[in-house]
């Protein structure tokens, strides 16, 4: 997990603005191309943290180094982990 966070921090430092996924496991979730529903709301590359917290079931949350991580229950994939920077979605992944 530590290497994952360091890699994400490095990518964000270089100004990557698109929703992207980095996942050491085999199942990736690309928001923007394959949007994911949490029931009443569909997560996309433009999702705001407040919207996700309001319309989705958030299982857990954590704040680390300027990034808020939310574990979100989805209808298709079960629980996914999503990172938000400055209130905007930066990435999501499913941990197998």
PDB file of N, CA and C in Angstrom:
ATOM      1  N   UNK A   1       0.824  -1.184   0.000  1.00  0.00           N
ATOM      2  CA  UNK A   1       0.000   0.000   0.000  1.00  0.00           C
ATOM      3  C   UNK A   1       0.875   1.256   0.000  1.00  0.00           C
ATOM      4  N   UNK A   2       1.989   1.190   0.686  1.00  0.00           N
ATOM      5  CA  UNK A   2       2.881   2.342   0.750  1.00  0.00           C
ATOM      6  C   UNK A   2       3.452   2.675  -0.622  1.00  0.00           C
ATOM      7  N   UNK A   3       3.861   1.651  -1.373  1.00  0.00           N
ATOM      8  CA  UNK A   3       4.376   1.876  -2.723  1.00  0.00           C
ATOM      9  C   UNK A   3       3.297   2.448  -3.621  1.00  0.00           C
ATOM     10  N   UNK A   4       2.072   1.964  -3.450  1.00  0.00           N
ATOM     11  CA  UNK A   4       0.944   2.450  -4.227  1.00  0.00           C
ATOM     12  C   UNK A   4       0.726   3.939  -3.983  1.00  0.00           C
ATOM     13  N   UNK A   5       0.744   4.356  -2.729  1.00  0.00           N
ATOM     14  CA  UNK A   5       0.527   5.759  -2.385  1.00  0.00           C
ATOM     15  C   UNK A   5       1.662   6.621  -2.920  1.00  0.00           C
ATOM     16  N   UNK A   6       2.896   6.147  -2.817  1.00  0.00           N
ATOM     17  CA  UNK A   6       4.028   6.899  -3.357  1.00  0.00           C
ATOM     18  C   UNK A   6       3.920   7.055  -4.871  1.00  0.00           C
ATOM     19  N   UNK A   7       3.496   6.007  -5.550  1.00  0.00           N
ATOM     20  CA  UNK A   7       3.343   6.070  -6.997  1.00  0.00           C
ATOM     21  C   UNK A   7       2.245   7.051  -7.384  1.00  0.00           C
ATOM     22  N   UNK A   8       1.146   7.013  -6.680  1.00  0.00           N
ATOM     23  CA  UNK A   8       0.047   7.944  -6.943  1.00  0.00           C
ATOM     24  C   UNK A   8       0.499   9.379  -6.699  1.00  0.00           C
ATOM     25  N   UNK A   9       1.207   9.601  -5.619  1.00  0.00           N
ATOM     26  CA  UNK A   9       1.692  10.941  -5.311  1.00  0.00           C
ATOM     27  C   UNK A   9       2.610  11.457  -6.410  1.00  0.00           C
ATOM     28  N   UNK A  10       3.474  10.592  -6.916  1.00  0.00           N
ATOM     29  CA  UNK A  10       4.381  10.988  -7.988  1.00  0.00           C
ATOM     30  C   UNK A  10       3.613  11.338  -9.257  1.00  0.00           C
ATOM     31  N   UNK A  11       2.610  10.547  -9.585  1.00  0.00           N
ATOM     32  CA  UNK A  11       1.810  10.833 -10.775  1.00  0.00           C
ATOM     33  C   UNK A  11       1.047  12.137 -10.638  1.00  0.00           C
ATOM     34  N   UNK A  12       0.502  12.396  -9.468  1.00  0.00           N
ATOM     35  CA  UNK A  12      -0.229  13.638  -9.252  1.00  0.00           C
ATOM     36  C   UNK A  12       0.705  14.843  -9.309  1.00  0.00           C
ATOM     37  N   UNK A  13       1.933  14.663  -8.874  1.00  0.00           N
ATOM     38  CA  UNK A  13       2.916  15.722  -8.915  1.00  0.00           C
ATOM     39  C   UNK A  13       3.187  16.176 -10.346  1.00  0.00           C
ATOM     40  N   UNK A  14       3.110  15.250 -11.300  1.00  0.00           N
ATOM     41  CA  UNK A  14       3.366  15.580 -12.693  1.00  0.00           C
ATOM     42  C   UNK A  14       2.141  16.128 -13.396  1.00  0.00           C
ATOM     43  N   UNK A  15       1.060  16.391 -12.665  1.00  0.00           N
ATOM     44  CA  UNK A  15      -0.089  17.083 -13.223  1.00  0.00           C
ATOM     45  C   UNK A  15      -1.044  16.214 -14.007  1.00  0.00           C
ATOM     46  N   UNK A  16      -1.096  14.951 -13.744  1.00  0.00           N
ATOM     47  CA  UNK A  16      -2.036  14.097 -14.434  1.00  0.00           C
ATOM     48  C   UNK A  16      -3.441  14.458 -13.983  1.00  0.00           C
ATOM     49  N   UNK A  17      -4.314  14.829 -14.943  1.00  0.00           N
ATOM     50  CA  UNK A  17      -5.640  15.319 -14.588  1.00  0.00           C
ATOM     51  C   UNK A  17      -6.754  14.340 -14.934  1.00  0.00           C
ATOM     52  N   UNK A  18      -6.503  13.335 -15.724  1.00  0.00           N
ATOM     53  CA  UNK A  18      -7.550  12.402 -16.115  1.00  0.00           C
ATOM     54  C   UNK A  18      -7.774  11.350 -15.049  1.00  0.00           C
ATOM     55  N   UNK A  19      -8.960  10.756 -15.083  1.00  0.00           N
ATOM     56  CA  UNK A  19      -9.206   9.618 -14.194  1.00  0.00           C
ATOM     57  C   UNK A  19      -8.391   8.445 -14.716  1.00  0.00           C
ATOM     58  N   UNK A  20      -7.639   7.826 -13.868  1.00  0.00           N
ATOM     59  CA  UNK A  20      -6.805   6.711 -14.276  1.00  0.00           C
ATOM     60  C   UNK A  20      -6.784   5.689 -13.154  1.00  0.00           C
ATOM     61  N   UNK A  21      -6.294   4.517 -13.475  1.00  0.00           N
ATOM     62  CA  UNK A  21      -6.278   3.454 -12.486  1.00  0.00           C
ATOM     63  C   UNK A  21      -4.905   2.806 -12.472  1.00  0.00           C
ATOM     64  N   UNK A  22      -4.416   2.594 -11.285  1.00  0.00           N
ATOM     65  CA  UNK A  22      -3.221   1.790 -11.100  1.00  0.00           C
ATOM     66  C   UNK A  22      -3.588   0.746 -10.074  1.00  0.00           C
ATOM     67  N   UNK A  23      -3.403  -0.502 -10.422  1.00  0.00           N
ATOM     68  CA  UNK A  23      -3.845  -1.565  -9.533  1.00  0.00           C
ATOM     69  C   UNK A  23      -2.884  -2.739  -9.678  1.00  0.00           C
ATOM     70  N   UNK A  24      -2.357  -3.169  -8.573  1.00  0.00           N
ATOM     71  CA  UNK A  24      -1.424  -4.293  -8.607  1.00  0.00           C
ATOM     72  C   UNK A  24      -2.139  -5.610  -8.852  1.00  0.00           C
ATOM     73  N   UNK A  25      -3.444  -5.659  -8.601  1.00  0.00           N
ATOM     74  CA  UNK A  25      -4.191  -6.893  -8.815  1.00  0.00           C
ATOM     75  C   UNK A  25      -4.686  -6.955 -10.256  1.00  0.00           C
ATOM     76  N   UNK A  26      -5.498  -7.943 -10.556  1.00  0.00           N
ATOM     77  CA  UNK A  26      -5.864  -8.184 -11.945  1.00  0.00           C
ATOM     78  C   UNK A  26      -7.086  -7.421 -12.414  1.00  0.00           C
ATOM     79  N   UNK A  27      -7.912  -6.893 -11.528  1.00  0.00           N
ATOM     80  CA  UNK A  27      -9.139  -6.238 -11.958  1.00  0.00           C
ATOM     81  C   UNK A  27      -9.032  -4.730 -11.838  1.00  0.00           C
ATOM     82  N   UNK A  28      -9.114  -4.049 -12.974  1.00  0.00           N
ATOM     83  CA  UNK A  28      -9.022  -2.597 -13.000  1.00  0.00           C
ATOM     84  C   UNK A  28     -10.382  -1.974 -13.225  1.00  0.00           C
ATOM     85  N   UNK A  29     -10.572  -0.793 -12.742  1.00  0.00           N
ATOM     86  CA  UNK A  29     -11.794  -0.036 -12.929  1.00  0.00           C
ATOM     87  C   UNK A  29     -11.421   1.295 -13.555  1.00  0.00           C
ATOM     88  N   UNK A  30     -11.817   1.500 -14.784  1.00  0.00           N
ATOM     89  CA  UNK A  30     -11.513   2.739 -15.479  1.00  0.00           C
ATOM     90  C   UNK A  30     -12.749   3.616 -15.494  1.00  0.00           C
ATOM     91  N   UNK A  31     -12.802   4.577 -14.631  1.00  0.00           N
ATOM     92  CA  UNK A  31     -13.925   5.496 -14.627  1.00  0.00           C
ATOM     93  C   UNK A  31     -13.768   6.453 -15.799  1.00  0.00           C
ATOM     94  N   UNK A  32     -14.867   6.800 -16.402  1.00  0.00           N
ATOM     95  CA  UNK A  32     -14.833   7.626 -17.595  1.00  0.00           C
ATOM     96  C   UNK A  32     -15.118   6.778 -18.813  1.00  0.00           C
ATOM     97  N   UNK A  33     -14.526   5.612 -18.907  1.00  0.00           N
ATOM     98  CA  UNK A  33     -14.803   4.689 -20.000  1.00  0.00           C
ATOM     99  C   UNK A  33     -15.904   3.709 -19.590  1.00  0.00           C
ATOM    100  N   UNK A  34     -15.783   3.143 -18.426  1.00  0.00           N
ATOM    101  CA  UNK A  34     -16.761   2.192 -17.901  1.00  0.00           C
ATOM    102  C   UNK A  34     -17.261   2.727 -16.571  1.00  0.00           C
ATOM    103  N   UNK A  35     -18.210   3.632 -16.627  1.00  0.00           N
ATOM    104  CA  UNK A  35     -18.732   4.233 -15.407  1.00  0.00           C
ATOM    105  C   UNK A  35     -19.371   3.166 -14.526  1.00  0.00           C
ATOM    106  N   UNK A  36     -19.355   3.404 -13.233  1.00  0.00           N
ATOM    107  CA  UNK A  36     -19.806   2.420 -12.267  1.00  0.00           C
ATOM    108  C   UNK A  36     -20.923   3.018 -11.424  1.00  0.00           C
ATOM    109  N   UNK A  37     -21.996   2.266 -11.240  1.00  0.00           N
ATOM    110  CA  UNK A  37     -23.140   2.730 -10.477  1.00  0.00           C
ATOM    111  C   UNK A  37     -23.040   2.293  -9.028  1.00  0.00           C
ATOM    112  N   UNK A  38     -23.442   3.194  -8.137  1.00  0.00           N
ATOM    113  CA  UNK A  38     -23.562   2.832  -6.724  1.00  0.00           C
ATOM    114  C   UNK A  38     -25.038   2.822  -6.339  1.00  0.00           C
ATOM    115  N   UNK A  39     -25.886   2.687  -7.319  1.00  0.00           N
ATOM    116  CA  UNK A  39     -27.327   2.660  -7.082  1.00  0.00           C
ATOM    117  C   UNK A  39     -27.982   3.912  -7.623  1.00  0.00           C
ATOM    118  N   UNK A  40     -28.033   4.950  -6.797  1.00  0.00           N
ATOM    119  CA  UNK A  40     -28.676   6.205  -7.201  1.00  0.00           C
ATOM    120  C   UNK A  40     -27.739   7.135  -7.957  1.00  0.00           C
ATOM    121  N   UNK A  41     -26.483   6.796  -8.075  1.00  0.00           N
ATOM    122  CA  UNK A  41     -25.477   7.694  -8.645  1.00  0.00           C
ATOM    123  C   UNK A  41     -24.496   6.883  -9.470  1.00  0.00           C
ATOM    124  N   UNK A  42     -24.017   7.451 -10.558  1.00  0.00           N
ATOM    125  CA  UNK A  42     -23.001   6.802 -11.373  1.00  0.00           C
ATOM    126  C   UNK A  42     -21.689   7.564 -11.235  1.00  0.00           C
ATOM    127  N   UNK A  43     -20.662   6.887 -10.744  1.00  0.00           N
ATOM    128  CA  UNK A  43     -19.357   7.507 -10.615  1.00  0.00           C
ATOM    129  C   UNK A  43     -18.758   7.681 -12.004  1.00  0.00           C
ATOM    130  N   UNK A  44     -18.148   8.832 -12.227  1.00  0.00           N
ATOM    131  CA  UNK A  44     -17.494   9.097 -13.504  1.00  0.00           C
ATOM    132  C   UNK A  44     -16.239   9.908 -13.242  1.00  0.00           C
ATOM    133  N   UNK A  45     -15.522  10.237 -14.286  1.00  0.00           N
ATOM    134  CA  UNK A  45     -14.279  10.993 -14.146  1.00  0.00           C
ATOM    135  C   UNK A  45     -14.518  12.375 -13.541  1.00  0.00           C
ATOM    136  N   UNK A  46     -15.743  12.872 -13.608  1.00  0.00           N
ATOM    137  CA  UNK A  46     -16.053  14.201 -13.078  1.00  0.00           C
ATOM    138  C   UNK A  46     -16.725  14.176 -11.712  1.00  0.00           C
ATOM    139  N   UNK A  47     -16.775  13.028 -11.067  1.00  0.00           N
ATOM    140  CA  UNK A  47     -17.481  12.910  -9.790  1.00  0.00           C
ATOM    141  C   UNK A  47     -16.842  13.773  -8.711  1.00  0.00           C
ATOM    142  N   UNK A  48     -17.706  14.384  -7.905  1.00  0.00           N
ATOM    143  CA  UNK A  48     -17.247  15.168  -6.757  1.00  0.00           C
ATOM    144  C   UNK A  48     -17.421  14.339  -5.492  1.00  0.00           C
ATOM    145  N   UNK A  49     -16.534  14.538  -4.553  1.00  0.00           N
ATOM    146  CA  UNK A  49     -16.560  13.790  -3.299  1.00  0.00           C
ATOM    147  C   UNK A  49     -17.893  13.977  -2.574  1.00  0.00           C
ATOM    148  N   UNK A  50     -18.396  15.186  -2.524  1.00  0.00           N
ATOM    149  CA  UNK A  50     -19.663  15.454  -1.836  1.00  0.00           C
ATOM    150  C   UNK A  50     -20.808  14.667  -2.450  1.00  0.00           C
ATOM    151  N   UNK A  51     -20.834  14.557  -3.780  1.00  0.00           N
ATOM    152  CA  UNK A  51     -21.888  13.798  -4.450  1.00  0.00           C
ATOM    153  C   UNK A  51     -21.808  12.322  -4.100  1.00  0.00           C
ATOM    154  N   UNK A  52     -20.599  11.784  -4.120  1.00  0.00           N
ATOM    155  CA  UNK A  52     -20.408  10.366  -3.800  1.00  0.00           C
ATOM    156  C   UNK A  52     -20.835  10.094  -2.367  1.00  0.00           C
ATOM    157  N   UNK A  53     -20.443  10.960  -1.445  1.00  0.00           N
ATOM    158  CA  UNK A  53     -20.831  10.777  -0.043  1.00  0.00           C
ATOM    159  C   UNK A  53     -22.337  10.923   0.156  1.00  0.00           C
ATOM    160  N   UNK A  54     -22.991  11.748  -0.650  1.00  0.00           N
ATOM    161  CA  UNK A  54     -24.431  11.971  -0.516  1.00  0.00           C
ATOM    162  C   UNK A  54     -25.267  10.858  -1.130  1.00  0.00           C
ATOM    163  N   UNK A  55     -24.838  10.320  -2.263  1.00  0.00           N
ATOM    164  CA  UNK A  55     -25.671   9.401  -3.024  1.00  0.00           C
ATOM    165  C   UNK A  55     -25.230   7.941  -2.984  1.00  0.00           C
ATOM    166  N   UNK A  56     -24.040   7.665  -2.486  1.00  0.00           N
ATOM    167  CA  UNK A  56     -23.525   6.299  -2.458  1.00  0.00           C
ATOM    168  C   UNK A  56     -23.384   5.817  -1.014  1.00  0.00           C
ATOM    169  N   UNK A  57     -23.316   4.511  -0.847  1.00  0.00           N
ATOM    170  CA  UNK A  57     -23.013   3.933   0.464  1.00  0.00           C
ATOM    171  C   UNK A  57     -21.506   3.898   0.630  1.00  0.00           C
ATOM    172  N   UNK A  58     -20.992   4.728   1.526  1.00  0.00           N
ATOM    173  CA  UNK A  58     -19.557   4.788   1.806  1.00  0.00           C
ATOM    174  C   UNK A  58     -19.282   3.868   2.985  1.00  0.00           C
ATOM    175  N   UNK A  59     -18.477   2.839   2.745  1.00  0.00           N
ATOM    176  CA  UNK A  59     -18.166   1.827   3.749  1.00  0.00           C
ATOM    177  C   UNK A  59     -17.121   2.331   4.738  1.00  0.00           C
ATOM    178  N   UNK A  60     -16.151   3.099   4.246  1.00  0.00           N
ATOM    179  CA  UNK A  60     -15.054   3.574   5.084  1.00  0.00           C
ATOM    180  C   UNK A  60     -14.441   4.789   4.415  1.00  0.00           C
ATOM    181  N   UNK A  61     -13.736   5.609   5.174  1.00  0.00           N
ATOM    182  CA  UNK A  61     -13.023   6.753   4.600  1.00  0.00           C
ATOM    183  C   UNK A  61     -11.733   6.969   5.376  1.00  0.00           C
ATOM    184  N   UNK A  62     -10.774   7.555   4.684  1.00  0.00           N
ATOM    185  CA  UNK A  62      -9.474   7.816   5.291  1.00  0.00           C
ATOM    186  C   UNK A  62      -8.851   9.008   4.580  1.00  0.00           C
ATOM    187  N   UNK A  63      -8.124   9.820   5.322  1.00  0.00           N
ATOM    188  CA  UNK A  63      -7.432  10.975   4.766  1.00  0.00           C
ATOM    189  C   UNK A  63      -5.937  10.754   4.916  1.00  0.00           C
ATOM    190  N   UNK A  64      -5.202  10.805   3.777  1.00  0.00           N
ATOM    191  CA  UNK A  64      -3.751  10.588   3.802  1.00  0.00           C
ATOM    192  C   UNK A  64      -3.075  11.573   2.868  1.00  0.00           C
ATOM    193  N   UNK A  65      -2.213  12.402   3.388  1.00  0.00           N
ATOM    194  CA  UNK A  65      -1.373  13.273   2.584  1.00  0.00           C
ATOM    195  C   UNK A  65      -2.108  14.092   1.532  1.00  0.00           C
ATOM    196  N   UNK A  66      -3.217  14.704   1.880  1.00  0.00           N
ATOM    197  CA  UNK A  66      -3.953  15.533   0.937  1.00  0.00           C
ATOM    198  C   UNK A  66      -4.960  14.786   0.089  1.00  0.00           C
ATOM    199  N   UNK A  67      -5.051  13.479   0.269  1.00  0.00           N
ATOM    200  CA  UNK A  67      -5.982  12.661  -0.501  1.00  0.00           C
ATOM    201  C   UNK A  67      -7.001  12.027   0.433  1.00  0.00           C
ATOM    202  N   UNK A  68      -8.258  12.106   0.049  1.00  0.00           N
ATOM    203  CA  UNK A  68      -9.317  11.427   0.785  1.00  0.00           C
ATOM    204  C   UNK A  68      -9.653  10.142   0.047  1.00  0.00           C
ATOM    205  N   UNK A  69      -9.607   9.030   0.760  1.00  0.00           N
ATOM    206  CA  UNK A  69      -9.938   7.722   0.200  1.00  0.00           C
ATOM    207  C   UNK A  69     -11.299   7.300   0.714  1.00  0.00           C
ATOM    208  N   UNK A  70     -12.190   6.949  -0.195  1.00  0.00           N
ATOM    209  CA  UNK A  70     -13.502   6.443   0.171  1.00  0.00           C
ATOM    210  C   UNK A  70     -13.654   5.020  -0.342  1.00  0.00           C
ATOM    211  N   UNK A  71     -14.155   4.134   0.507  1.00  0.00           N
ATOM    212  CA  UNK A  71     -14.537   2.780   0.077  1.00  0.00           C
ATOM    213  C   UNK A  71     -16.024   2.841  -0.217  1.00  0.00           C
ATOM    214  N   UNK A  72     -16.392   2.601  -1.473  1.00  0.00           N
ATOM    215  CA  UNK A  72     -17.758   2.808  -1.943  1.00  0.00           C
ATOM    216  C   UNK A  72     -18.364   1.475  -2.365  1.00  0.00           C
ATOM    217  N   UNK A  73     -19.587   1.221  -1.922  1.00  0.00           N
ATOM    218  CA  UNK A  73     -20.330   0.026  -2.338  1.00  0.00           C
ATOM    219  C   UNK A  73     -20.955   0.296  -3.705  1.00  0.00           C
ATOM    220  N   UNK A  74     -20.651  -0.558  -4.694  1.00  0.00           N
ATOM    221  CA  UNK A  74     -21.222  -0.406  -6.031  1.00  0.00           C
ATOM    222  C   UNK A  74     -22.149  -1.575  -6.336  1.00  0.00           C
ATOM    223  N   UNK A  75     -22.980  -1.409  -7.343  1.00  0.00           N
ATOM    224  CA  UNK A  75     -23.907  -2.481  -7.706  1.00  0.00           C
ATOM    225  C   UNK A  75     -23.232  -3.534  -8.556  1.00  0.00           C
ATOM    226  N   UNK A  76     -22.256  -3.157  -9.390  1.00  0.00           N
ATOM    227  CA  UNK A  76     -21.614  -4.095 -10.299  1.00  0.00           C
ATOM    228  C   UNK A  76     -20.389  -4.799  -9.703  1.00  0.00           C
ATOM    229  N   UNK A  77     -19.594  -4.056  -8.946  1.00  0.00           N
ATOM    230  CA  UNK A  77     -18.276  -4.554  -8.542  1.00  0.00           C
ATOM    231  C   UNK A  77     -18.109  -4.787  -7.051  1.00  0.00           C
ATOM    232  N   UNK A  78     -19.123  -4.550  -6.268  1.00  0.00           N
ATOM    233  CA  UNK A  78     -18.952  -4.645  -4.821  1.00  0.00           C
ATOM    234  C   UNK A  78     -18.275  -3.393  -4.306  1.00  0.00           C
ATOM    235  N   UNK A  79     -17.366  -3.534  -3.378  1.00  0.00           N
ATOM    236  CA  UNK A  79     -16.696  -2.382  -2.775  1.00  0.00           C
ATOM    237  C   UNK A  79     -15.475  -1.999  -3.610  1.00  0.00           C
ATOM    238  N   UNK A  80     -15.359  -0.703  -3.919  1.00  0.00           N
ATOM    239  CA  UNK A  80     -14.195  -0.168  -4.625  1.00  0.00           C
ATOM    240  C   UNK A  80     -13.574   0.927  -3.780  1.00  0.00           C
ATOM    241  N   UNK A  81     -12.303   1.204  -4.008  1.00  0.00           N
ATOM    242  CA  UNK A  81     -11.591   2.275  -3.316  1.00  0.00           C
ATOM    243  C   UNK A  81     -11.389   3.425  -4.290  1.00  0.00           C
ATOM    244  N   UNK A  82     -11.765   4.633  -3.871  1.00  0.00           N
ATOM    245  CA  UNK A  82     -11.638   5.807  -4.729  1.00  0.00           C
ATOM    246  C   UNK A  82     -10.872   6.902  -4.000  1.00  0.00           C
ATOM    247  N   UNK A  83      -9.987   7.576  -4.730  1.00  0.00           N
ATOM    248  CA  UNK A  83      -9.198   8.676  -4.188  1.00  0.00           C
ATOM    249  C   UNK A  83      -9.758   9.997  -4.708  1.00  0.00           C
ATOM    250  N   UNK A  84      -9.841  10.983  -3.814  1.00  0.00           N
ATOM    251  CA  UNK A  84     -10.326  12.312  -4.167  1.00  0.00           C
ATOM    252  C   UNK A  84      -9.284  13.334  -3.755  1.00  0.00           C
ATOM    253  N   UNK A  85      -8.939  14.210  -4.691  1.00  0.00           N
ATOM    254  CA  UNK A  85      -8.019  15.310  -4.425  1.00  0.00           C
ATOM    255  C   UNK A  85      -8.767  16.605  -4.686  1.00  0.00           C
ATOM    256  N   UNK A  86      -8.732  17.501  -3.725  1.00  0.00           N
ATOM    257  CA  UNK A  86      -9.451  18.777  -3.811  1.00  0.00           C
ATOM    258  C   UNK A  86     -10.924  18.570  -4.128  1.00  0.00           C
ATOM    259  N   UNK A  87     -11.497  17.492  -3.594  1.00  0.00           N
ATOM    260  CA  UNK A  87     -12.914  17.230  -3.758  1.00  0.00           C
ATOM    261  C   UNK A  87     -13.317  16.590  -5.070  1.00  0.00           C
ATOM    262  N   UNK A  88     -12.355  16.280  -5.939  1.00  0.00           N
ATOM    263  CA  UNK A  88     -12.634  15.667  -7.246  1.00  0.00           C
ATOM    264  C   UNK A  88     -12.031  14.266  -7.312  1.00  0.00           C
ATOM    265  N   UNK A  89     -12.725  13.385  -7.996  1.00  0.00           N
ATOM    266  CA  UNK A  89     -12.256  12.005  -8.154  1.00  0.00           C
ATOM    267  C   UNK A  89     -10.978  11.986  -8.975  1.00  0.00           C
ATOM    268  N   UNK A  90      -9.969  11.290  -8.485  1.00  0.00           N
ATOM    269  CA  UNK A  90      -8.732  11.154  -9.251  1.00  0.00           C
ATOM    270  C   UNK A  90      -8.540   9.726  -9.734  1.00  0.00           C
ATOM    271  N   UNK A  91      -9.040   8.736  -8.992  1.00  0.00           N
ATOM    272  CA  UNK A  91      -8.910   7.347  -9.416  1.00  0.00           C
ATOM    273  C   UNK A  91      -9.765   6.443  -8.547  1.00  0.00           C
ATOM    274  N   UNK A  92     -10.077   5.272  -9.080  1.00  0.00           N
ATOM    275  CA  UNK A  92     -10.735   4.216  -8.315  1.00  0.00           C
ATOM    276  C   UNK A  92     -10.100   2.894  -8.705  1.00  0.00           C
ATOM    277  N   UNK A  93     -10.140   1.943  -7.806  1.00  0.00           N
ATOM    278  CA  UNK A  93      -9.676   0.603  -8.131  1.00  0.00           C
ATOM    279  C   UNK A  93     -10.410  -0.405  -7.278  1.00  0.00           C
ATOM    280  N   UNK A  94     -10.444  -1.620  -7.753  1.00  0.00           N
ATOM    281  CA  UNK A  94     -11.031  -2.726  -7.009  1.00  0.00           C
ATOM    282  C   UNK A  94      -9.902  -3.613  -6.560  1.00  0.00           C
ATOM    283  N   UNK A  95      -9.832  -3.856  -5.283  1.00  0.00           N
ATOM    284  CA  UNK A  95      -8.798  -4.702  -4.703  1.00  0.00           C
ATOM    285  C   UNK A  95      -9.330  -6.124  -4.650  1.00  0.00           C
ATOM    286  N   UNK A  96      -8.663  -7.037  -5.323  1.00  0.00           N
ATOM    287  CA  UNK A  96      -9.136  -8.436  -5.349  1.00  0.00           C
ATOM    288  C   UNK A  96      -8.822  -9.146  -4.061  1.00  0.00           C
TER     289      UNK A  96
END
